[in-house]
Amino acid sequence: MFNSLKYAYQRLTRGYDETIYWGFDEYLEMILPPLRSFCLKRLDDGGVILSYKRREIYRPTVLLIDKFNETYDDFNSLTEIYEAEDEMCSYIGIHLGWYWD
């Protein structure tokens, strides 16, 4: 009961509670399907709308997301999963300003 009240108070005052830290990577993984769809849609639209620079960022984004998903789905070692996740998140983080409509 105490924790429920504590987390409710934290969400009210901060907009989030401390449980977000328990699996922060899982929150980031929730954006992967929409980000992948966004990149694929922009690549399909292509042409005049999409600059060369954006194409060169969106393609590797899709490939890295797919690589991470395959590594995760194939039940590879935790080390391989963490390496694929690290590579993907690093790339997305560096190029975060390019993912907008």
PDB file of N, CA and C in Angstrom:
ATOM      1  N   MET A   1       0.833  -1.194   0.000  1.00  0.00           N
ATOM      2  CA  MET A   1       0.000   0.000   0.000  1.00  0.00           C
ATOM      3  C   MET A   1       0.879   1.259   0.000  1.00  0.00           C
ATOM      4  N   PHE A   2       1.913   1.231   0.842  1.00  0.00           N
ATOM      5  CA  PHE A   2       2.800   2.391   0.924  1.00  0.00           C
ATOM      6  C   PHE A   2       3.444   2.688  -0.426  1.00  0.00           C
ATOM      7  N   ASN A   3       3.959   1.648  -1.105  1.00  0.00           N
ATOM      8  CA  ASN A   3       4.618   1.850  -2.398  1.00  0.00           C
ATOM      9  C   ASN A   3       3.653   2.411  -3.441  1.00  0.00           C
ATOM     10  N   SER A   4       2.433   1.938  -3.441  1.00  0.00           N
ATOM     11  CA  SER A   4       1.438   2.455  -4.396  1.00  0.00           C
ATOM     12  C   SER A   4       1.236   3.952  -4.207  1.00  0.00           C
ATOM     13  N   LEU A   5       1.133   4.376  -2.951  1.00  0.00           N
ATOM     14  CA  LEU A   5       0.972   5.806  -2.667  1.00  0.00           C
ATOM     15  C   LEU A   5       2.238   6.590  -3.030  1.00  0.00           C
ATOM     16  N   LYS A   6       3.387   6.006  -2.698  1.00  0.00           N
ATOM     17  CA  LYS A   6       4.659   6.672  -3.006  1.00  0.00           C
ATOM     18  C   LYS A   6       4.813   6.866  -4.516  1.00  0.00           C
ATOM     19  N   TYR A   7       4.524   5.832  -5.302  1.00  0.00           N
ATOM     20  CA  TYR A   7       4.662   5.926  -6.762  1.00  0.00           C
ATOM     21  C   TYR A   7       3.627   6.888  -7.349  1.00  0.00           C
ATOM     22  N   ALA A   8       2.431   6.879  -6.797  1.00  0.00           N
ATOM     23  CA  ALA A   8       1.403   7.809  -7.266  1.00  0.00           C
ATOM     24  C   ALA A   8       1.838   9.249  -7.006  1.00  0.00           C
ATOM     25  N   TYR A   9       2.392   9.501  -5.833  1.00  0.00           N
ATOM     26  CA  TYR A   9       2.883  10.836  -5.497  1.00  0.00           C
ATOM     27  C   TYR A   9       4.031  11.243  -6.427  1.00  0.00           C
ATOM     28  N   GLN A  10       4.950  10.321  -6.690  1.00  0.00           N
ATOM     29  CA  GLN A  10       6.062  10.622  -7.603  1.00  0.00           C
ATOM     30  C   GLN A  10       5.546  10.944  -9.001  1.00  0.00           C
ATOM     31  N   ARG A  11       4.575  10.177  -9.482  1.00  0.00           N
ATOM     32  CA  ARG A  11       4.023  10.446 -10.816  1.00  0.00           C
ATOM     33  C   ARG A  11       3.324  11.807 -10.854  1.00  0.00           C
ATOM     34  N   LEU A  12       2.667  12.148  -9.775  1.00  0.00           N
ATOM     35  CA  LEU A  12       1.965  13.422  -9.692  1.00  0.00           C
ATOM     36  C   LEU A  12       2.940  14.593  -9.674  1.00  0.00           C
ATOM     37  N   THR A  13       4.015  14.478  -8.927  1.00  0.00           N
ATOM     38  CA  THR A  13       4.948  15.594  -8.773  1.00  0.00           C
ATOM     39  C   THR A  13       6.011  15.655  -9.871  1.00  0.00           C
ATOM     40  N   ARG A  14       6.448  14.481 -10.390  1.00  0.00           N
ATOM     41  CA  ARG A  14       7.514  14.451 -11.405  1.00  0.00           C
ATOM     42  C   ARG A  14       7.031  14.115 -12.802  1.00  0.00           C
ATOM     43  N   GLY A  15       5.890  13.443 -12.875  1.00  0.00           N
ATOM     44  CA  GLY A  15       5.417  12.963 -14.163  1.00  0.00           C
ATOM     45  C   GLY A  15       5.847  11.527 -14.425  1.00  0.00           C
ATOM     46  N   TYR A  16       6.638  10.949 -13.564  1.00  0.00           N
ATOM     47  CA  TYR A  16       7.069   9.555 -13.633  1.00  0.00           C
ATOM     48  C   TYR A  16       7.428   9.098 -12.224  1.00  0.00           C
ATOM     49  N   ASP A  17       7.538   7.791 -12.056  1.00  0.00           N
ATOM     50  CA  ASP A  17       7.959   7.290 -10.747  1.00  0.00           C
ATOM     51  C   ASP A  17       9.248   6.488 -10.887  1.00  0.00           C
ATOM     52  N   GLU A  18       9.832   6.116  -9.762  1.00  0.00           N
ATOM     53  CA  GLU A  18      11.148   5.475  -9.768  1.00  0.00           C
ATOM     54  C   GLU A  18      11.158   4.105 -10.422  1.00  0.00           C
ATOM     55  N   THR A  19       9.997   3.513 -10.674  1.00  0.00           N
ATOM     56  CA  THR A  19       9.979   2.194 -11.311  1.00  0.00           C
ATOM     57  C   THR A  19      10.488   2.249 -12.743  1.00  0.00           C
ATOM     58  N   ILE A  20      10.541   3.436 -13.337  1.00  0.00           N
ATOM     59  CA  ILE A  20      11.076   3.562 -14.695  1.00  0.00           C
ATOM     60  C   ILE A  20      12.533   3.112 -14.753  1.00  0.00           C
ATOM     61  N   TYR A  21      13.252   3.252 -13.659  1.00  0.00           N
ATOM     62  CA  TYR A  21      14.664   2.868 -13.631  1.00  0.00           C
ATOM     63  C   TYR A  21      14.875   1.366 -13.571  1.00  0.00           C
ATOM     64  N   TRP A  22      13.853   0.620 -13.254  1.00  0.00           N
ATOM     65  CA  TRP A  22      13.995  -0.818 -13.086  1.00  0.00           C
ATOM     66  C   TRP A  22      14.224  -1.517 -14.413  1.00  0.00           C
ATOM     67  N   GLY A  23      13.735  -0.977 -15.480  1.00  0.00           N
ATOM     68  CA  GLY A  23      13.903  -1.590 -16.795  1.00  0.00           C
ATOM     69  C   GLY A  23      13.895  -0.515 -17.858  1.00  0.00           C
ATOM     70  N   PHE A  24      14.776   0.451 -17.698  1.00  0.00           N
ATOM     71  CA  PHE A  24      14.771   1.614 -18.595  1.00  0.00           C
ATOM     72  C   PHE A  24      14.930   1.205 -20.051  1.00  0.00           C
ATOM     73  N   ASP A  25      15.711   0.166 -20.309  1.00  0.00           N
ATOM     74  CA  ASP A  25      15.905  -0.279 -21.681  1.00  0.00           C
ATOM     75  C   ASP A  25      14.599  -0.771 -22.299  1.00  0.00           C
ATOM     76  N   GLU A  26      13.710  -1.325 -21.481  1.00  0.00           N
ATOM     77  CA  GLU A  26      12.428  -1.791 -21.997  1.00  0.00           C
ATOM     78  C   GLU A  26      11.558  -0.632 -22.482  1.00  0.00           C
ATOM     79  N   TYR A  27      11.654   0.513 -21.821  1.00  0.00           N
ATOM     80  CA  TYR A  27      10.908   1.679 -22.272  1.00  0.00           C
ATOM     81  C   TYR A  27      11.429   2.151 -23.624  1.00  0.00           C
ATOM     82  N   LEU A  28      12.735   2.108 -23.794  1.00  0.00           N
ATOM     83  CA  LEU A  28      13.314   2.501 -25.076  1.00  0.00           C
ATOM     84  C   LEU A  28      12.921   1.518 -26.181  1.00  0.00           C
ATOM     85  N   GLU A  29      12.848   0.240 -25.839  1.00  0.00           N
ATOM     86  CA  GLU A  29      12.479  -0.767 -26.831  1.00  0.00           C
ATOM     87  C   GLU A  29      11.039  -0.605 -27.307  1.00  0.00           C
ATOM     88  N   MET A  30      10.207   0.041 -26.522  1.00  0.00           N
ATOM     89  CA  MET A  30       8.818   0.266 -26.930  1.00  0.00           C
ATOM     90  C   MET A  30       8.728   1.191 -28.138  1.00  0.00           C
ATOM     91  N   ILE A  31       9.740   2.045 -28.346  1.00  0.00           N
ATOM     92  CA  ILE A  31       9.685   2.957 -29.487  1.00  0.00           C
ATOM     93  C   ILE A  31      10.211   2.328 -30.772  1.00  0.00           C
ATOM     94  N   LEU A  32      10.811   1.151 -30.683  1.00  0.00           N
ATOM     95  CA  LEU A  32      11.431   0.555 -31.867  1.00  0.00           C
ATOM     96  C   LEU A  32      10.447   0.247 -32.992  1.00  0.00           C
ATOM     97  N   PRO A  33       9.307  -0.416 -32.735  1.00  0.00           N
ATOM     98  CA  PRO A  33       8.386  -0.671 -33.848  1.00  0.00           C
ATOM     99  C   PRO A  33       7.895   0.608 -34.534  1.00  0.00           C
ATOM    100  N   PRO A  34       7.473   1.648 -33.767  1.00  0.00           N
ATOM    101  CA  PRO A  34       7.054   2.868 -34.460  1.00  0.00           C
ATOM    102  C   PRO A  34       8.203   3.572 -35.184  1.00  0.00           C
ATOM    103  N   LEU A  35       9.407   3.533 -34.603  1.00  0.00           N
ATOM    104  CA  LEU A  35      10.555   4.165 -35.263  1.00  0.00           C
ATOM    105  C   LEU A  35      10.890   3.443 -36.555  1.00  0.00           C
ATOM    106  N   ARG A  36      10.868   2.120 -36.529  1.00  0.00           N
ATOM    107  CA  ARG A  36      11.134   1.335 -37.736  1.00  0.00           C
ATOM    108  C   ARG A  36      10.088   1.648 -38.808  1.00  0.00           C
ATOM    109  N   SER A  37       8.815   1.670 -38.420  1.00  0.00           N
ATOM    110  CA  SER A  37       7.739   1.995 -39.373  1.00  0.00           C
ATOM    111  C   SER A  37       7.912   3.400 -39.944  1.00  0.00           C
ATOM    112  N   PHE A  38       8.267   4.335 -39.085  1.00  0.00           N
ATOM    113  CA  PHE A  38       8.491   5.715 -39.521  1.00  0.00           C
ATOM    114  C   PHE A  38       9.586   5.766 -40.580  1.00  0.00           C
ATOM    115  N   CYS A  39      10.720   5.122 -40.291  1.00  0.00           N
ATOM    116  CA  CYS A  39      11.847   5.143 -41.233  1.00  0.00           C
ATOM    117  C   CYS A  39      11.470   4.478 -42.554  1.00  0.00           C
ATOM    118  N   LEU A  40      10.809   3.323 -42.481  1.00  0.00           N
ATOM    119  CA  LEU A  40      10.410   2.629 -43.717  1.00  0.00           C
ATOM    120  C   LEU A  40       9.435   3.459 -44.537  1.00  0.00           C
ATOM    121  N   LYS A  41       8.502   4.109 -43.854  1.00  0.00           N
ATOM    122  CA  LYS A  41       7.530   4.955 -44.575  1.00  0.00           C
ATOM    123  C   LYS A  41       8.245   6.104 -45.271  1.00  0.00           C
ATOM    124  N   ARG A  42       9.175   6.733 -44.575  1.00  0.00           N
ATOM    125  CA  ARG A  42       9.913   7.848 -45.171  1.00  0.00           C
ATOM    126  C   ARG A  42      10.797   7.370 -46.329  1.00  0.00           C
ATOM    127  N   LEU A  43      11.386   6.199 -46.184  1.00  0.00           N
ATOM    128  CA  LEU A  43      12.210   5.656 -47.265  1.00  0.00           C
ATOM    129  C   LEU A  43      11.353   5.300 -48.478  1.00  0.00           C
ATOM    130  N   ASP A  44      10.137   4.791 -48.229  1.00  0.00           N
ATOM    131  CA  ASP A  44       9.225   4.470 -49.335  1.00  0.00           C
ATOM    132  C   ASP A  44       8.728   5.733 -50.021  1.00  0.00           C
ATOM    133  N   ASP A  45       8.426   6.773 -49.227  1.00  0.00           N
ATOM    134  CA  ASP A  45       7.986   8.049 -49.796  1.00  0.00           C
ATOM    135  C   ASP A  45       9.117   8.637 -50.620  1.00  0.00           C
ATOM    136  N   GLY A  46      10.303   8.597 -50.039  1.00  0.00           N
ATOM    137  CA  GLY A  46      11.552   8.987 -50.694  1.00  0.00           C
ATOM    138  C   GLY A  46      11.465  10.239 -51.540  1.00  0.00           C
ATOM    139  N   GLY A  47      12.158  10.194 -52.655  1.00  0.00           N
ATOM    140  CA  GLY A  47      12.140  11.255 -53.634  1.00  0.00           C
ATOM    141  C   GLY A  47      12.427  12.627 -53.089  1.00  0.00           C
ATOM    142  N   VAL A  48      11.574  13.547 -53.428  1.00  0.00           N
ATOM    143  CA  VAL A  48      11.759  14.953 -53.102  1.00  0.00           C
ATOM    144  C   VAL A  48      11.647  15.199 -51.600  1.00  0.00           C
ATOM    145  N   ILE A  49      10.787  14.451 -50.951  1.00  0.00           N
ATOM    146  CA  ILE A  49      10.505  14.693 -49.534  1.00  0.00           C
ATOM    147  C   ILE A  49      11.721  14.393 -48.657  1.00  0.00           C
ATOM    148  N   LEU A  50      12.453  13.345 -48.984  1.00  0.00           N
ATOM    149  CA  LEU A  50      13.514  12.862 -48.125  1.00  0.00           C
ATOM    150  C   LEU A  50      14.881  13.282 -48.651  1.00  0.00           C
ATOM    151  N   SER A  51      15.636  13.962 -47.825  1.00  0.00           N
ATOM    152  CA  SER A  51      16.971  14.386 -48.229  1.00  0.00           C
ATOM    153  C   SER A  51      17.914  13.188 -48.250  1.00  0.00           C
ATOM    154  N   TYR A  52      19.025  13.353 -48.937  1.00  0.00           N
ATOM    155  CA  TYR A  52      20.040  12.307 -49.012  1.00  0.00           C
ATOM    156  C   TYR A  52      20.529  11.941 -47.617  1.00  0.00           C
ATOM    157  N   LYS A  53      20.762  12.933 -46.776  1.00  0.00           N
ATOM    158  CA  LYS A  53      21.269  12.707 -45.422  1.00  0.00           C
ATOM    159  C   LYS A  53      20.290  11.857 -44.610  1.00  0.00           C
ATOM    160  N   ARG A  54      19.008  12.153 -44.714  1.00  0.00           N
ATOM    161  CA  ARG A  54      18.010  11.380 -43.975  1.00  0.00           C
ATOM    162  C   ARG A  54      17.972   9.931 -44.460  1.00  0.00           C
ATOM    163  N   ARG A  55      18.057   9.722 -45.761  1.00  0.00           N
ATOM    164  CA  ARG A  55      18.087   8.353 -46.286  1.00  0.00           C
ATOM    165  C   ARG A  55      19.271   7.586 -45.710  1.00  0.00           C
ATOM    166  N   GLU A  56      20.399   8.260 -45.619  1.00  0.00           N
ATOM    167  CA  GLU A  56      21.606   7.619 -45.112  1.00  0.00           C
ATOM    168  C   GLU A  56      21.545   7.363 -43.601  1.00  0.00           C
ATOM    169  N   ILE A  57      20.614   7.979 -42.914  1.00  0.00           N
ATOM    170  CA  ILE A  57      20.410   7.720 -41.485  1.00  0.00           C
ATOM    171  C   ILE A  57      19.304   6.697 -41.279  1.00  0.00           C
ATOM    172  N   TYR A  58      18.227   6.790 -42.050  1.00  0.00           N
ATOM    173  CA  TYR A  58      17.084   5.901 -41.859  1.00  0.00           C
ATOM    174  C   TYR A  58      17.386   4.458 -42.251  1.00  0.00           C
ATOM    175  N   ARG A  59      18.148   4.244 -43.314  1.00  0.00           N
ATOM    176  CA  ARG A  59      18.468   2.866 -43.727  1.00  0.00           C
ATOM    177  C   ARG A  59      19.204   2.094 -42.631  1.00  0.00           C
ATOM    178  N   PRO A  60      20.317   2.627 -42.107  1.00  0.00           N
ATOM    179  CA  PRO A  60      20.988   1.890 -41.036  1.00  0.00           C
ATOM    180  C   PRO A  60      20.128   1.734 -39.783  1.00  0.00           C
ATOM    181  N   THR A  61      19.253   2.685 -39.532  1.00  0.00           N
ATOM    182  CA  THR A  61      18.366   2.567 -38.375  1.00  0.00           C
ATOM    183  C   THR A  61      17.513   1.315 -38.497  1.00  0.00           C
ATOM    184  N   VAL A  62      16.901   1.130 -39.659  1.00  0.00           N
ATOM    185  CA  VAL A  62      16.062  -0.051 -39.893  1.00  0.00           C
ATOM    186  C   VAL A  62      16.897  -1.321 -39.780  1.00  0.00           C
ATOM    187  N   LEU A  63      18.088  -1.308 -40.369  1.00  0.00           N
ATOM    188  CA  LEU A  63      18.957  -2.492 -40.319  1.00  0.00           C
ATOM    189  C   LEU A  63      19.371  -2.830 -38.883  1.00  0.00           C
ATOM    190  N   LEU A  64      19.700  -1.816 -38.092  1.00  0.00           N
ATOM    191  CA  LEU A  64      20.104  -2.052 -36.703  1.00  0.00           C
ATOM    192  C   LEU A  64      18.945  -2.554 -35.839  1.00  0.00           C
ATOM    193  N   ILE A  65      17.755  -2.026 -36.084  1.00  0.00           N
ATOM    194  CA  ILE A  65      16.576  -2.509 -35.365  1.00  0.00           C
ATOM    195  C   ILE A  65      16.315  -3.964 -35.731  1.00  0.00           C
ATOM    196  N   ASP A  66      16.404  -4.280 -37.026  1.00  0.00           N
ATOM    197  CA  ASP A  66      16.201  -5.663 -37.465  1.00  0.00           C
ATOM    198  C   ASP A  66      17.266  -6.587 -36.877  1.00  0.00           C
ATOM    199  N   LYS A  67      18.509  -6.131 -36.856  1.00  0.00           N
ATOM    200  CA  LYS A  67      19.594  -6.938 -36.288  1.00  0.00           C
ATOM    201  C   LYS A  67      19.337  -7.217 -34.803  1.00  0.00           C
ATOM    202  N   PHE A  68      18.934  -6.191 -34.076  1.00  0.00           N
ATOM    203  CA  PHE A  68      18.633  -6.373 -32.657  1.00  0.00           C
ATOM    204  C   PHE A  68      17.484  -7.359 -32.480  1.00  0.00           C
ATOM    205  N   ASN A  69      16.410  -7.191 -33.252  1.00  0.00           N
ATOM    206  CA  ASN A  69      15.256  -8.086 -33.139  1.00  0.00           C
ATOM    207  C   ASN A  69      15.635  -9.534 -33.442  1.00  0.00           C
ATOM    208  N   GLU A  70      16.451  -9.736 -34.475  1.00  0.00           N
ATOM    209  CA  GLU A  70      16.886 -11.089 -34.832  1.00  0.00           C
ATOM    210  C   GLU A  70      17.745 -11.690 -33.723  1.00  0.00           C
ATOM    211  N   THR A  71      18.661 -10.900 -33.201  1.00  0.00           N
ATOM    212  CA  THR A  71      19.531 -11.376 -32.124  1.00  0.00           C
ATOM    213  C   THR A  71      18.698 -11.759 -30.903  1.00  0.00           C
ATOM    214  N   TYR A  72      17.723 -10.928 -30.590  1.00  0.00           N
ATOM    215  CA  TYR A  72      16.866 -11.170 -29.433  1.00  0.00           C
ATOM    216  C   TYR A  72      15.975 -12.388 -29.665  1.00  0.00           C
ATOM    217  N   ASP A  73      15.371 -12.479 -30.857  1.00  0.00           N
ATOM    218  CA  ASP A  73      14.441 -13.569 -31.168  1.00  0.00           C
ATOM    219  C   ASP A  73      15.133 -14.923 -31.288  1.00  0.00           C
ATOM    220  N   ASP A  74      16.399 -14.920 -31.688  1.00  0.00           N
ATOM    221  CA  ASP A  74      17.138 -16.170 -31.852  1.00  0.00           C
ATOM    222  C   ASP A  74      17.705 -16.690 -30.539  1.00  0.00           C
ATOM    223  N   PHE A  75      17.405 -16.021 -29.456  1.00  0.00           N
ATOM    224  CA  PHE A  75      17.877 -16.420 -28.127  1.00  0.00           C
ATOM    225  C   PHE A  75      19.398 -16.582 -28.099  1.00  0.00           C
ATOM    226  N   ASN A  76      20.088 -15.622 -28.668  1.00  0.00           N
ATOM    227  CA  ASN A  76      21.546 -15.628 -28.613  1.00  0.00           C
ATOM    228  C   ASN A  76      21.998 -15.347 -27.185  1.00  0.00           C
ATOM    229  N   SER A  77      23.287 -15.379 -26.979  1.00  0.00           N
ATOM    230  CA  SER A  77      23.815 -15.118 -25.642  1.00  0.00           C
ATOM    231  C   SER A  77      23.469 -13.691 -25.216  1.00  0.00           C
ATOM    232  N   LEU A  78      23.423 -13.475 -23.928  1.00  0.00           N
ATOM    233  CA  LEU A  78      23.130 -12.131 -23.422  1.00  0.00           C
ATOM    234  C   LEU A  78      24.163 -11.126 -23.916  1.00  0.00           C
ATOM    235  N   THR A  79      25.397 -11.557 -24.042  1.00  0.00           N
ATOM    236  CA  THR A  79      26.443 -10.660 -24.529  1.00  0.00           C
ATOM    237  C   THR A  79      26.122 -10.178 -25.938  1.00  0.00           C
ATOM    238  N   GLU A  80      25.700 -11.085 -26.814  1.00  0.00           N
ATOM    239  CA  GLU A  80      25.349 -10.698 -28.189  1.00  0.00           C
ATOM    240  C   GLU A  80      24.140  -9.780 -28.212  1.00  0.00           C
ATOM    241  N   ILE A  81      23.169 -10.079 -27.374  1.00  0.00           N
ATOM    242  CA  ILE A  81      21.971  -9.228 -27.318  1.00  0.00           C
ATOM    243  C   ILE A  81      22.345  -7.833 -26.833  1.00  0.00           C
ATOM    244  N   TYR A  82      23.154  -7.750 -25.770  1.00  0.00           N
ATOM    245  CA  TYR A  82      23.563  -6.448 -25.239  1.00  0.00           C
ATOM    246  C   TYR A  82      24.399  -5.674 -26.250  1.00  0.00           C
ATOM    247  N   GLU A  83      25.255  -6.356 -26.984  1.00  0.00           N
ATOM    248  CA  GLU A  83      26.074  -5.674 -27.996  1.00  0.00           C
ATOM    249  C   GLU A  83      25.201  -5.119 -29.117  1.00  0.00           C
ATOM    250  N   ALA A  84      24.234  -5.910 -29.586  1.00  0.00           N
ATOM    251  CA  ALA A  84      23.329  -5.439 -30.640  1.00  0.00           C
ATOM    252  C   ALA A  84      22.480  -4.277 -30.131  1.00  0.00           C
ATOM    253  N   GLU A  85      22.025  -4.377 -28.892  1.00  0.00           N
ATOM    254  CA  GLU A  85      21.218  -3.307 -28.299  1.00  0.00           C
ATOM    255  C   GLU A  85      22.044  -2.039 -28.135  1.00  0.00           C
ATOM    256  N   ASP A  86      23.275  -2.196 -27.676  1.00  0.00           N
ATOM    257  CA  ASP A  86      24.156  -1.048 -27.486  1.00  0.00           C
ATOM    258  C   ASP A  86      24.454  -0.350 -28.806  1.00  0.00           C
ATOM    259  N   GLU A  87      24.751  -1.135 -29.835  1.00  0.00           N
ATOM    260  CA  GLU A  87      25.032  -0.563 -31.154  1.00  0.00           C
ATOM    261  C   GLU A  87      23.818   0.197 -31.686  1.00  0.00           C
ATOM    262  N   MET A  88      22.649  -0.422 -31.578  1.00  0.00           N
ATOM    263  CA  MET A  88      21.426   0.196 -32.077  1.00  0.00           C
ATOM    264  C   MET A  88      21.087   1.465 -31.292  1.00  0.00           C
ATOM    265  N   CYS A  89      21.097   1.396 -29.972  1.00  0.00           N
ATOM    266  CA  CYS A  89      20.735   2.553 -29.153  1.00  0.00           C
ATOM    267  C   CYS A  89      21.737   3.691 -29.321  1.00  0.00           C
ATOM    268  N   SER A  90      23.003   3.360 -29.459  1.00  0.00           N
ATOM    269  CA  SER A  90      24.020   4.397 -29.678  1.00  0.00           C
ATOM    270  C   SER A  90      23.758   5.124 -30.987  1.00  0.00           C
ATOM    271  N   TYR A  91      23.480   4.362 -32.029  1.00  0.00           N
ATOM    272  CA  TYR A  91      23.228   4.965 -33.345  1.00  0.00           C
ATOM    273  C   TYR A  91      21.982   5.848 -33.309  1.00  0.00           C
ATOM    274  N   ILE A  92      20.914   5.321 -32.736  1.00  0.00           N
ATOM    275  CA  ILE A  92      19.665   6.094 -32.661  1.00  0.00           C
ATOM    276  C   ILE A  92      19.871   7.341 -31.812  1.00  0.00           C
ATOM    277  N   GLY A  93      20.581   7.209 -30.699  1.00  0.00           N
ATOM    278  CA  GLY A  93      20.832   8.354 -29.836  1.00  0.00           C
ATOM    279  C   GLY A  93      21.629   9.450 -30.523  1.00  0.00           C
ATOM    280  N   ILE A  94      22.644   9.062 -31.264  1.00  0.00           N
ATOM    281  CA  ILE A  94      23.466  10.041 -31.980  1.00  0.00           C
ATOM    282  C   ILE A  94      22.658  10.783 -33.038  1.00  0.00           C
ATOM    283  N   HIS A  95      21.720  10.083 -33.668  1.00  0.00           N
ATOM    284  CA  HIS A  95      20.948  10.675 -34.766  1.00  0.00           C
ATOM    285  C   HIS A  95      19.525  11.053 -34.358  1.00  0.00           C
ATOM    286  N   LEU A  96      19.283  11.172 -33.076  1.00  0.00           N
ATOM    287  CA  LEU A  96      17.923  11.400 -32.569  1.00  0.00           C
ATOM    288  C   LEU A  96      17.261  12.633 -33.192  1.00  0.00           C
ATOM    289  N   GLY A  97      18.011  13.661 -33.464  1.00  0.00           N
ATOM    290  CA  GLY A  97      17.442  14.869 -34.038  1.00  0.00           C
ATOM    291  C   GLY A  97      16.940  14.727 -35.469  1.00  0.00           C
ATOM    292  N   TRP A  98      17.256  13.623 -36.125  1.00  0.00           N
ATOM    293  CA  TRP A  98      16.850  13.408 -37.514  1.00  0.00           C
ATOM    294  C   TRP A  98      15.515  12.705 -37.645  1.00  0.00           C
ATOM    295  N   TYR A  99      14.998  12.163 -36.561  1.00  0.00           N
ATOM    296  CA  TYR A  99      13.735  11.409 -36.621  1.00  0.00           C
ATOM    297  C   TYR A  99      12.571  12.319 -36.289  1.00  0.00           C
ATOM    298  N   TRP A 100      12.143  13.069 -37.248  1.00  0.00           N
ATOM    299  CA  TRP A 100      10.968  13.907 -37.060  1.00  0.00           C
ATOM    300  C   TRP A 100      10.274  14.050 -38.399  1.00  0.00           C
ATOM    301  N   ASP A 101       9.022  14.401 -38.328  1.00  0.00           N
ATOM    302  CA  ASP A 101       8.183  14.486 -39.523  1.00  0.00           C
ATOM    303  C   ASP A 101       8.057  15.920 -39.973  1.00  0.00           C
TER     304      ASP A 101
END
